[in-house]
Amino acid sequence: MTTETPVVVAVVHQNSGPGFAVYACQTCAAHCPPQPDVLTALPPARRARSSKR
């Protein structure tokens, strides 16, 4: 199905190469679960360690 008003429902990050966005129509976007924030996915201690590198 195609739409003239796509909505970003997720952003996929990759270790190598650029990430990409996942789009859906406005009706289907309401049924997509919210995506976790990648900056808060790690526990605080691990985030502090990885930022020192």
C-alpha atoms as a PDB file:
ATOM      1  CA  MET A   1       0.000   0.000   0.000  1.00  0.00           C
ATOM      2  CA  THR A   2       1.261   3.521  -0.718  1.00  0.00           C
ATOM      3  CA  THR A   3       0.382   6.783   0.964  1.00  0.00           C
ATOM      4  CA  GLU A   4       0.857  10.463   0.246  1.00  0.00           C
ATOM      5  CA  THR A   5       1.341  11.255   3.951  1.00  0.00           C
ATOM      6  CA  PRO A   6       3.917   8.808   5.382  1.00  0.00           C
ATOM      7  CA  VAL A   7       4.748   8.898   9.098  1.00  0.00           C
ATOM      8  CA  VAL A   8       8.070   7.766  10.591  1.00  0.00           C
ATOM      9  CA  VAL A   9       7.317   4.915  13.018  1.00  0.00           C
ATOM     10  CA  ALA A  10      10.879   3.738  13.743  1.00  0.00           C
ATOM     11  CA  VAL A  11      14.511   4.598  13.108  1.00  0.00           C
ATOM     12  CA  VAL A  12      16.856   1.643  12.671  1.00  0.00           C
ATOM     13  CA  HIS A  13      20.471   2.262  13.728  1.00  0.00           C
ATOM     14  CA  GLN A  14      23.289   0.122  12.340  1.00  0.00           C
ATOM     15  CA  ASN A  15      26.883  -0.506  13.377  1.00  0.00           C
ATOM     16  CA  SER A  16      28.217  -0.021   9.869  1.00  0.00           C
ATOM     17  CA  GLY A  17      26.665   2.176   7.252  1.00  0.00           C
ATOM     18  CA  PRO A  18      23.767   4.562   7.572  1.00  0.00           C
ATOM     19  CA  GLY A  19      20.599   3.651   9.430  1.00  0.00           C
ATOM     20  CA  PHE A  20      17.166   4.040   7.931  1.00  0.00           C
ATOM     21  CA  ALA A  21      13.671   5.179   8.789  1.00  0.00           C
ATOM     22  CA  VAL A  22      10.588   2.952   8.724  1.00  0.00           C
ATOM     23  CA  TYR A  23       7.434   4.634   7.458  1.00  0.00           C
ATOM     24  CA  ALA A  24       3.734   3.786   7.665  1.00  0.00           C
ATOM     25  CA  CYS A  25       0.499   5.458   6.664  1.00  0.00           C
ATOM     26  CA  GLN A  26      -1.214   7.523   9.381  1.00  0.00           C
ATOM     27  CA  THR A  27      -3.837   4.840  10.021  1.00  0.00           C
ATOM     28  CA  CYS A  28      -1.285   2.035  10.449  1.00  0.00           C
ATOM     29  CA  ALA A  29       1.132   4.233  12.440  1.00  0.00           C
ATOM     30  CA  ALA A  30      -1.383   4.360  15.297  1.00  0.00           C
ATOM     31  CA  HIS A  31      -0.976   0.564  15.684  1.00  0.00           C
ATOM     32  CA  CYS A  32       2.855   0.563  15.802  1.00  0.00           C
ATOM     33  CA  PRO A  33       4.381   0.276  19.271  1.00  0.00           C
ATOM     34  CA  PRO A  34       6.542   3.190  20.455  1.00  0.00           C
ATOM     35  CA  GLN A  35      10.246   2.634  19.906  1.00  0.00           C
ATOM     36  CA  PRO A  36      12.686   2.821  22.829  1.00  0.00           C
ATOM     37  CA  ASP A  37      15.074   5.760  22.983  1.00  0.00           C
ATOM     38  CA  VAL A  38      18.489   4.386  22.002  1.00  0.00           C
ATOM     39  CA  LEU A  39      20.247   6.820  24.353  1.00  0.00           C
ATOM     40  CA  THR A  40      18.438   5.386  27.376  1.00  0.00           C
ATOM     41  CA  ALA A  41      18.523   1.720  26.357  1.00  0.00           C
ATOM     42  CA  LEU A  42      21.724   1.012  28.290  1.00  0.00           C
ATOM     43  CA  PRO A  43      21.897   1.118  32.099  1.00  0.00           C
ATOM     44  CA  PRO A  44      23.476   4.388  33.420  1.00  0.00           C
ATOM     45  CA  ALA A  45      26.741   2.687  34.480  1.00  0.00           C
ATOM     46  CA  ARG A  46      27.266   1.228  31.013  1.00  0.00           C
ATOM     47  CA  ARG A  47      26.470   4.563  29.303  1.00  0.00           C
ATOM     48  CA  ALA A  48      29.115   6.310  31.458  1.00  0.00           C
ATOM     49  CA  ARG A  49      31.729   3.680  30.585  1.00  0.00           C
ATOM     50  CA  SER A  50      31.052   3.798  26.846  1.00  0.00           C
ATOM     51  CA  SER A  51      31.221   7.619  26.721  1.00  0.00           C
ATOM     52  CA  LYS A  52      34.802   7.576  28.095  1.00  0.00           C
ATOM     53  CA  ARG A  53      36.162   5.717  25.056  1.00  0.00           C
END
